[in-house]
C-alpha cells in the first residue's frame, strides 16, 4: 500500500512538473518563433504575434490547419500581416507535433537557424521539446500561451504522446 502511494505521489509530481508547470523562457532574441497548432489557438497566436512584434526573431513560423477557424482578415494564410518578421505558414504532415518538428527541422536547416522558441501550451511542452530536439540540433526554448479549461484531457493526451516519443518514435 505504501509503495502504491509513493508511486501515485511520484506520478502526480512528474505530471505537475512536465505538463502543468513546466520550465519556460527564452533569451532576448532567437532565429525563429514557431507557433505549434493545438488547443487555445487564439491565445497561442496572440502570444506568437506579441513576440514577433517585439522583434524577438526574424521569422514567425506558424503551423495551422486550413479547416481551422480564422481570426483575422488580410495578412497571410495563417496570420495577420506582421511587418516585424517574415511569416512562414505550413500544414504539418502528419498533422501532429511530430509533423511540426519534422518541418521545423527542415526549414531550420534551410535558413541556418541556431535557436528557436516554440509557442505552445503547458501540456504540449515535453512532447514538443522531445520531438523538436530530435529534428533540430540548435537551442530550443518554450513560451506558453494560456490554456483554457480543457487542460485535464490535454495532460492525458500528452502523457501518451510523451511515452510514444520517448520509447517508440525517438528519431526525427
Foldseek 3Di string as FASTA:
>chain_A
DVVVVVVVVVVVVCLCDQFPPDDFDDPQAFAEEEEADDAPSVLLQVVLLVCLLSLRHQEYEYEDDLPDDDDDPDDDSHHHNRPSHHYHYDHFVVNDLLSSLQVCLVVCVVVVTQEYEYEEARRCVLLNVQNNVLRHVHYYGYDYGYGDPPRVVSNVVSVVSNCCCVPPPRHD
